[in-house]
Amino acid sequence: MPTLLVKGSFKVSEKAKPYGDTVSFIPDNVADWKLVPGYKPILPAADGHANIRLEGIDALETH
């Protein structure tokens, strides 16, 4: 399987209160979400972000 690189930025705010292994990600091009493989398509929020879970990260919960 070829490697997929989606450029963008992570969005962390106190309002969102992310879990230790889940963060909000906004791609530079929102259409790139359609390139991500999987049986369940990613449905981004109105601003284009989606919460992604980082595998292999063992972090404490924030709340």
PDB file of N, CA and C in Angstrom:
ATOM      1  N   MET A   1       0.845  -1.166   0.000  1.00  0.00           N
ATOM      2  CA  MET A   1       0.000   0.000   0.000  1.00  0.00           C
ATOM      3  C   MET A   1       0.900   1.241   0.000  1.00  0.00           C
ATOM      4  N   PRO A   2       0.649   2.179  -0.910  1.00  0.00           N
ATOM      5  CA  PRO A   2       1.469   3.395  -0.950  1.00  0.00           C
ATOM      6  C   PRO A   2       1.228   4.273   0.280  1.00  0.00           C
ATOM      7  N   THR A   3       2.210   5.084   0.600  1.00  0.00           N
ATOM      8  CA  THR A   3       2.122   5.991   1.737  1.00  0.00           C
ATOM      9  C   THR A   3       1.295   7.212   1.354  1.00  0.00           C
ATOM     10  N   LEU A   4       0.446   7.653   2.255  1.00  0.00           N
ATOM     11  CA  LEU A   4      -0.374   8.837   2.043  1.00  0.00           C
ATOM     12  C   LEU A   4       0.083   9.910   3.013  1.00  0.00           C
ATOM     13  N   LEU A   5       0.401  11.091   2.483  1.00  0.00           N
ATOM     14  CA  LEU A   5       0.794  12.227   3.309  1.00  0.00           C
ATOM     15  C   LEU A   5      -0.264  13.304   3.149  1.00  0.00           C
ATOM     16  N   VAL A   6      -0.899  13.666   4.246  1.00  0.00           N
ATOM     17  CA  VAL A   6      -1.890  14.743   4.245  1.00  0.00           C
ATOM     18  C   VAL A   6      -1.297  15.872   5.072  1.00  0.00           C
ATOM     19  N   LYS A   7      -1.004  16.990   4.409  1.00  0.00           N
ATOM     20  CA  LYS A   7      -0.431  18.135   5.118  1.00  0.00           C
ATOM     21  C   LYS A   7      -1.541  18.928   5.791  1.00  0.00           C
ATOM     22  N   GLY A   8      -1.238  19.447   6.963  1.00  0.00           N
ATOM     23  CA  GLY A   8      -2.217  20.219   7.704  1.00  0.00           C
ATOM     24  C   GLY A   8      -1.675  20.598   9.059  1.00  0.00           C
ATOM     25  N   SER A   9      -2.582  20.850   9.995  1.00  0.00           N
ATOM     26  CA  SER A   9      -2.152  21.250  11.330  1.00  0.00           C
ATOM     27  C   SER A   9      -3.055  20.628  12.390  1.00  0.00           C
ATOM     28  N   PHE A  10      -2.468  20.462  13.556  1.00  0.00           N
ATOM     29  CA  PHE A  10      -3.213  19.954  14.693  1.00  0.00           C
ATOM     30  C   PHE A  10      -3.799  21.129  15.447  1.00  0.00           C
ATOM     31  N   LYS A  11      -5.012  20.954  15.935  1.00  0.00           N
ATOM     32  CA  LYS A  11      -5.707  22.026  16.642  1.00  0.00           C
ATOM     33  C   LYS A  11      -6.012  21.529  18.058  1.00  0.00           C
ATOM     34  N   VAL A  12      -5.362  22.149  19.038  1.00  0.00           N
ATOM     35  CA  VAL A  12      -5.583  21.767  20.425  1.00  0.00           C
ATOM     36  C   VAL A  12      -6.029  23.015  21.183  1.00  0.00           C
ATOM     37  N   SER A  13      -7.158  22.911  21.850  1.00  0.00           N
ATOM     38  CA  SER A  13      -7.647  24.043  22.630  1.00  0.00           C
ATOM     39  C   SER A  13      -8.186  23.541  23.960  1.00  0.00           C
ATOM     40  N   GLU A  14      -8.283  24.433  24.906  1.00  0.00           N
ATOM     41  CA  GLU A  14      -8.821  24.052  26.214  1.00  0.00           C
ATOM     42  C   GLU A  14     -10.295  23.706  26.130  1.00  0.00           C
ATOM     43  N   LYS A  15     -11.022  24.334  25.212  1.00  0.00           N
ATOM     44  CA  LYS A  15     -12.447  24.042  25.050  1.00  0.00           C
ATOM     45  C   LYS A  15     -12.669  22.610  24.590  1.00  0.00           C
ATOM     46  N   ALA A  16     -11.799  22.134  23.694  1.00  0.00           N
ATOM     47  CA  ALA A  16     -11.975  20.801  23.118  1.00  0.00           C
ATOM     48  C   ALA A  16     -11.692  19.703  24.138  1.00  0.00           C
ATOM     49  N   LYS A  17     -10.781  19.959  25.074  1.00  0.00           N
ATOM     50  CA  LYS A  17     -10.376  18.975  26.073  1.00  0.00           C
ATOM     51  C   LYS A  17     -10.105  17.615  25.435  1.00  0.00           C
ATOM     52  N   PRO A  18      -9.058  17.532  24.600  1.00  0.00           N
ATOM     53  CA  PRO A  18      -8.779  16.267  23.915  1.00  0.00           C
ATOM     54  C   PRO A  18      -8.321  15.182  24.877  1.00  0.00           C
ATOM     55  N   TYR A  19      -8.588  13.946  24.531  1.00  0.00           N
ATOM     56  CA  TYR A  19      -8.044  12.820  25.266  1.00  0.00           C
ATOM     57  C   TYR A  19      -6.565  12.740  24.947  1.00  0.00           C
ATOM     58  N   GLY A  20      -5.827  11.984  25.690  1.00  0.00           N
ATOM     59  CA  GLY A  20      -4.390  11.910  25.498  1.00  0.00           C
ATOM     60  C   GLY A  20      -3.958  11.389  24.149  1.00  0.00           C
ATOM     61  N   ASP A  21      -4.735  10.504  23.524  1.00  0.00           N
ATOM     62  CA  ASP A  21      -4.328   9.911  22.255  1.00  0.00           C
ATOM     63  C   ASP A  21      -5.192  10.360  21.081  1.00  0.00           C
ATOM     64  N   THR A  22      -6.063  11.345  21.286  1.00  0.00           N
ATOM     65  CA  THR A  22      -6.949  11.832  20.238  1.00  0.00           C
ATOM     66  C   THR A  22      -6.784  13.340  20.097  1.00  0.00           C
ATOM     67  N   VAL A  23      -6.534  13.789  18.866  1.00  0.00           N
ATOM     68  CA  VAL A  23      -6.361  15.215  18.613  1.00  0.00           C
ATOM     69  C   VAL A  23      -7.158  15.619  17.382  1.00  0.00           C
ATOM     70  N   SER A  24      -7.422  16.900  17.279  1.00  0.00           N
ATOM     71  CA  SER A  24      -8.132  17.446  16.135  1.00  0.00           C
ATOM     72  C   SER A  24      -7.113  17.793  15.055  1.00  0.00           C
ATOM     73  N   PHE A  25      -7.397  17.416  13.806  1.00  0.00           N
ATOM     74  CA  PHE A  25      -6.494  17.671  12.684  1.00  0.00           C
ATOM     75  C   PHE A  25      -7.257  18.356  11.573  1.00  0.00           C
ATOM     76  N   ILE A  26      -6.672  19.418  11.008  1.00  0.00           N
ATOM     77  CA  ILE A  26      -7.273  20.132   9.887  1.00  0.00           C
ATOM     78  C   ILE A  26      -6.296  20.061   8.716  1.00  0.00           C
ATOM     79  N   PRO A  27      -6.669  19.372   7.629  1.00  0.00           N
ATOM     80  CA  PRO A  27      -5.774  19.321   6.470  1.00  0.00           C
ATOM     81  C   PRO A  27      -5.753  20.664   5.746  1.00  0.00           C
ATOM     82  N   ASP A  28      -4.638  20.946   5.062  1.00  0.00           N
ATOM     83  CA  ASP A  28      -4.551  22.163   4.264  1.00  0.00           C
ATOM     84  C   ASP A  28      -5.607  22.159   3.161  1.00  0.00           C
ATOM     85  N   ASN A  29      -5.895  20.973   2.642  1.00  0.00           N
ATOM     86  CA  ASN A  29      -6.920  20.809   1.611  1.00  0.00           C
ATOM     87  C   ASN A  29      -7.959  19.826   2.149  1.00  0.00           C
ATOM     88  N   VAL A  30      -9.141  20.313   2.480  1.00  0.00           N
ATOM     89  CA  VAL A  30     -10.180  19.479   3.103  1.00  0.00           C
ATOM     90  C   VAL A  30     -10.554  18.291   2.215  1.00  0.00           C
ATOM     91  N   ALA A  31     -10.413  18.421   0.914  1.00  0.00           N
ATOM     92  CA  ALA A  31     -10.725  17.315  -0.008  1.00  0.00           C
ATOM     93  C   ALA A  31      -9.803  16.115   0.211  1.00  0.00           C
ATOM     94  N   ASP A  32      -8.662  16.318   0.866  1.00  0.00           N
ATOM     95  CA  ASP A  32      -7.739  15.210   1.134  1.00  0.00           C
ATOM     96  C   ASP A  32      -8.352  14.146   2.031  1.00  0.00           C
ATOM     97  N   TRP A  33      -9.371  14.494   2.813  1.00  0.00           N
ATOM     98  CA  TRP A  33     -10.022  13.480   3.654  1.00  0.00           C
ATOM     99  C   TRP A  33     -10.545  12.335   2.797  1.00  0.00           C
ATOM    100  N   LYS A  34     -10.944  12.611   1.570  1.00  0.00           N
ATOM    101  CA  LYS A  34     -11.475  11.563   0.681  1.00  0.00           C
ATOM    102  C   LYS A  34     -10.399  10.578   0.242  1.00  0.00           C
ATOM    103  N   LEU A  35      -9.136  10.945   0.390  1.00  0.00           N
ATOM    104  CA  LEU A  35      -8.030  10.075   0.002  1.00  0.00           C
ATOM    105  C   LEU A  35      -7.695   9.039   1.069  1.00  0.00           C
ATOM    106  N   VAL A  36      -8.167   9.262   2.282  1.00  0.00           N
ATOM    107  CA  VAL A  36      -7.841   8.367   3.401  1.00  0.00           C
ATOM    108  C   VAL A  36      -8.641   7.074   3.246  1.00  0.00           C
ATOM    109  N   PRO A  37      -7.945   5.921   3.158  1.00  0.00           N
ATOM    110  CA  PRO A  37      -8.655   4.658   2.966  1.00  0.00           C
ATOM    111  C   PRO A  37      -9.362   4.183   4.234  1.00  0.00           C
ATOM    112  N   GLY A  38     -10.282   3.271   4.058  1.00  0.00           N
ATOM    113  CA  GLY A  38     -10.983   2.676   5.182  1.00  0.00           C
ATOM    114  C   GLY A  38     -12.420   2.383   4.826  1.00  0.00           C
ATOM    115  N   TYR A  39     -13.045   1.518   5.607  1.00  0.00           N
ATOM    116  CA  TYR A  39     -14.420   1.125   5.323  1.00  0.00           C
ATOM    117  C   TYR A  39     -15.422   2.201   5.719  1.00  0.00           C
ATOM    118  N   LYS A  40     -15.014   3.104   6.590  1.00  0.00           N
ATOM    119  CA  LYS A  40     -15.906   4.168   7.065  1.00  0.00           C
ATOM    120  C   LYS A  40     -15.283   5.516   6.686  1.00  0.00           C
ATOM    121  N   PRO A  41     -15.923   6.274   5.797  1.00  0.00           N
ATOM    122  CA  PRO A  41     -15.325   7.547   5.374  1.00  0.00           C
ATOM    123  C   PRO A  41     -15.266   8.557   6.515  1.00  0.00           C
ATOM    124  N   ILE A  42     -14.264   9.414   6.462  1.00  0.00           N
ATOM    125  CA  ILE A  42     -14.122  10.468   7.459  1.00  0.00           C
ATOM    126  C   ILE A  42     -15.098  11.582   7.122  1.00  0.00           C
ATOM    127  N   LEU A  43     -15.885  11.980   8.095  1.00  0.00           N
ATOM    128  CA  LEU A  43     -16.841  13.064   7.918  1.00  0.00           C
ATOM    129  C   LEU A  43     -16.355  14.260   8.739  1.00  0.00           C
ATOM    130  N   PRO A  44     -15.663  15.203   8.086  1.00  0.00           N
ATOM    131  CA  PRO A  44     -15.125  16.340   8.835  1.00  0.00           C
ATOM    132  C   PRO A  44     -16.214  17.303   9.289  1.00  0.00           C
ATOM    133  N   ALA A  45     -15.892  18.090  10.298  1.00  0.00           N
ATOM    134  CA  ALA A  45     -16.797  19.137  10.789  1.00  0.00           C
ATOM    135  C   ALA A  45     -16.853  20.263   9.762  1.00  0.00           C
ATOM    136  N   ALA A  46     -17.694  21.241  10.010  1.00  0.00           N
ATOM    137  CA  ALA A  46     -17.885  22.353   9.071  1.00  0.00           C
ATOM    138  C   ALA A  46     -16.576  23.093   8.771  1.00  0.00           C
ATOM    139  N   ASP A  47     -15.671  23.180   9.751  1.00  0.00           N
ATOM    140  CA  ASP A  47     -14.404  23.881   9.509  1.00  0.00           C
ATOM    141  C   ASP A  47     -13.341  22.971   8.895  1.00  0.00           C
ATOM    142  N   GLY A  48     -13.682  21.710   8.608  1.00  0.00           N
ATOM    143  CA  GLY A  48     -12.763  20.785   7.954  1.00  0.00           C
ATOM    144  C   GLY A  48     -11.987  19.886   8.887  1.00  0.00           C
ATOM    145  N   HIS A  49     -12.104  20.080  10.200  1.00  0.00           N
ATOM    146  CA  HIS A  49     -11.324  19.246  11.124  1.00  0.00           C
ATOM    147  C   HIS A  49     -12.038  17.924  11.396  1.00  0.00           C
ATOM    148  N   ALA A  50     -11.243  16.968  11.802  1.00  0.00           N
ATOM    149  CA  ALA A  50     -11.758  15.687  12.290  1.00  0.00           C
ATOM    150  C   ALA A  50     -10.843  15.248  13.425  1.00  0.00           C
ATOM    151  N   ASN A  51     -11.405  14.538  14.374  1.00  0.00           N
ATOM    152  CA  ASN A  51     -10.603  14.013  15.469  1.00  0.00           C
ATOM    153  C   ASN A  51      -9.957  12.719  15.015  1.00  0.00           C
ATOM    154  N   ILE A  52      -8.660  12.632  15.228  1.00  0.00           N
ATOM    155  CA  ILE A  52      -7.939  11.419  14.851  1.00  0.00           C
ATOM    156  C   ILE A  52      -7.291  10.829  16.093  1.00  0.00           C
ATOM    157  N   ARG A  53      -7.207   9.514  16.098  1.00  0.00           N
ATOM    158  CA  ARG A  53      -6.607   8.801  17.217  1.00  0.00           C
ATOM    159  C   ARG A  53      -5.226   8.352  16.807  1.00  0.00           C
ATOM    160  N   LEU A  54      -4.245   8.645  17.629  1.00  0.00           N
ATOM    161  CA  LEU A  54      -2.866   8.288  17.354  1.00  0.00           C
ATOM    162  C   LEU A  54      -2.594   6.898  17.916  1.00  0.00           C
ATOM    163  N   GLU A  55      -2.296   5.967  17.037  1.00  0.00           N
ATOM    164  CA  GLU A  55      -2.017   4.603  17.485  1.00  0.00           C
ATOM    165  C   GLU A  55      -0.625   4.517  18.084  1.00  0.00           C
ATOM    166  N   GLY A  56      -0.491   3.689  19.078  1.00  0.00           N
ATOM    167  CA  GLY A  56       0.800   3.476  19.716  1.00  0.00           C
ATOM    168  C   GLY A  56       1.144   4.549  20.741  1.00  0.00           C
ATOM    169  N   ILE A  57       0.204   5.461  21.005  1.00  0.00           N
ATOM    170  CA  ILE A  57       0.434   6.512  21.991  1.00  0.00           C
ATOM    171  C   ILE A  57      -0.271   6.108  23.277  1.00  0.00           C
ATOM    172  N   ASP A  58       0.464   6.047  24.359  1.00  0.00           N
ATOM    173  CA  ASP A  58      -0.124   5.725  25.646  1.00  0.00           C
ATOM    174  C   ASP A  58       0.004   6.966  26.516  1.00  0.00           C
ATOM    175  N   ALA A  59      -1.079   7.720  26.599  1.00  0.00           N
ATOM    176  CA  ALA A  59      -1.062   8.985  27.340  1.00  0.00           C
ATOM    177  C   ALA A  59      -2.175   9.012  28.378  1.00  0.00           C
ATOM    178  N   LEU A  60      -1.970   9.791  29.388  1.00  0.00           N
ATOM    179  CA  LEU A  60      -2.977   9.947  30.416  1.00  0.00           C
ATOM    180  C   LEU A  60      -4.186  10.702  29.859  1.00  0.00           C
ATOM    181  N   GLU A  61      -5.353  10.365  30.335  1.00  0.00           N
ATOM    182  CA  GLU A  61      -6.555  11.093  29.935  1.00  0.00           C
ATOM    183  C   GLU A  61      -6.503  12.471  30.579  1.00  0.00           C
ATOM    184  N   THR A  62      -7.060  13.466  29.886  1.00  0.00           N
ATOM    185  CA  THR A  62      -6.978  14.840  30.405  1.00  0.00           C
ATOM    186  C   THR A  62      -8.138  15.177  31.318  1.00  0.00           C
ATOM    187  N   HIS A  63      -9.174  14.360  31.332  1.00  0.00           N
ATOM    188  CA  HIS A  63     -10.303  14.631  32.241  1.00  0.00           C
ATOM    189  C   HIS A  63     -10.990  13.360  32.665  1.00  0.00           C
TER     190      HIS A  63
END
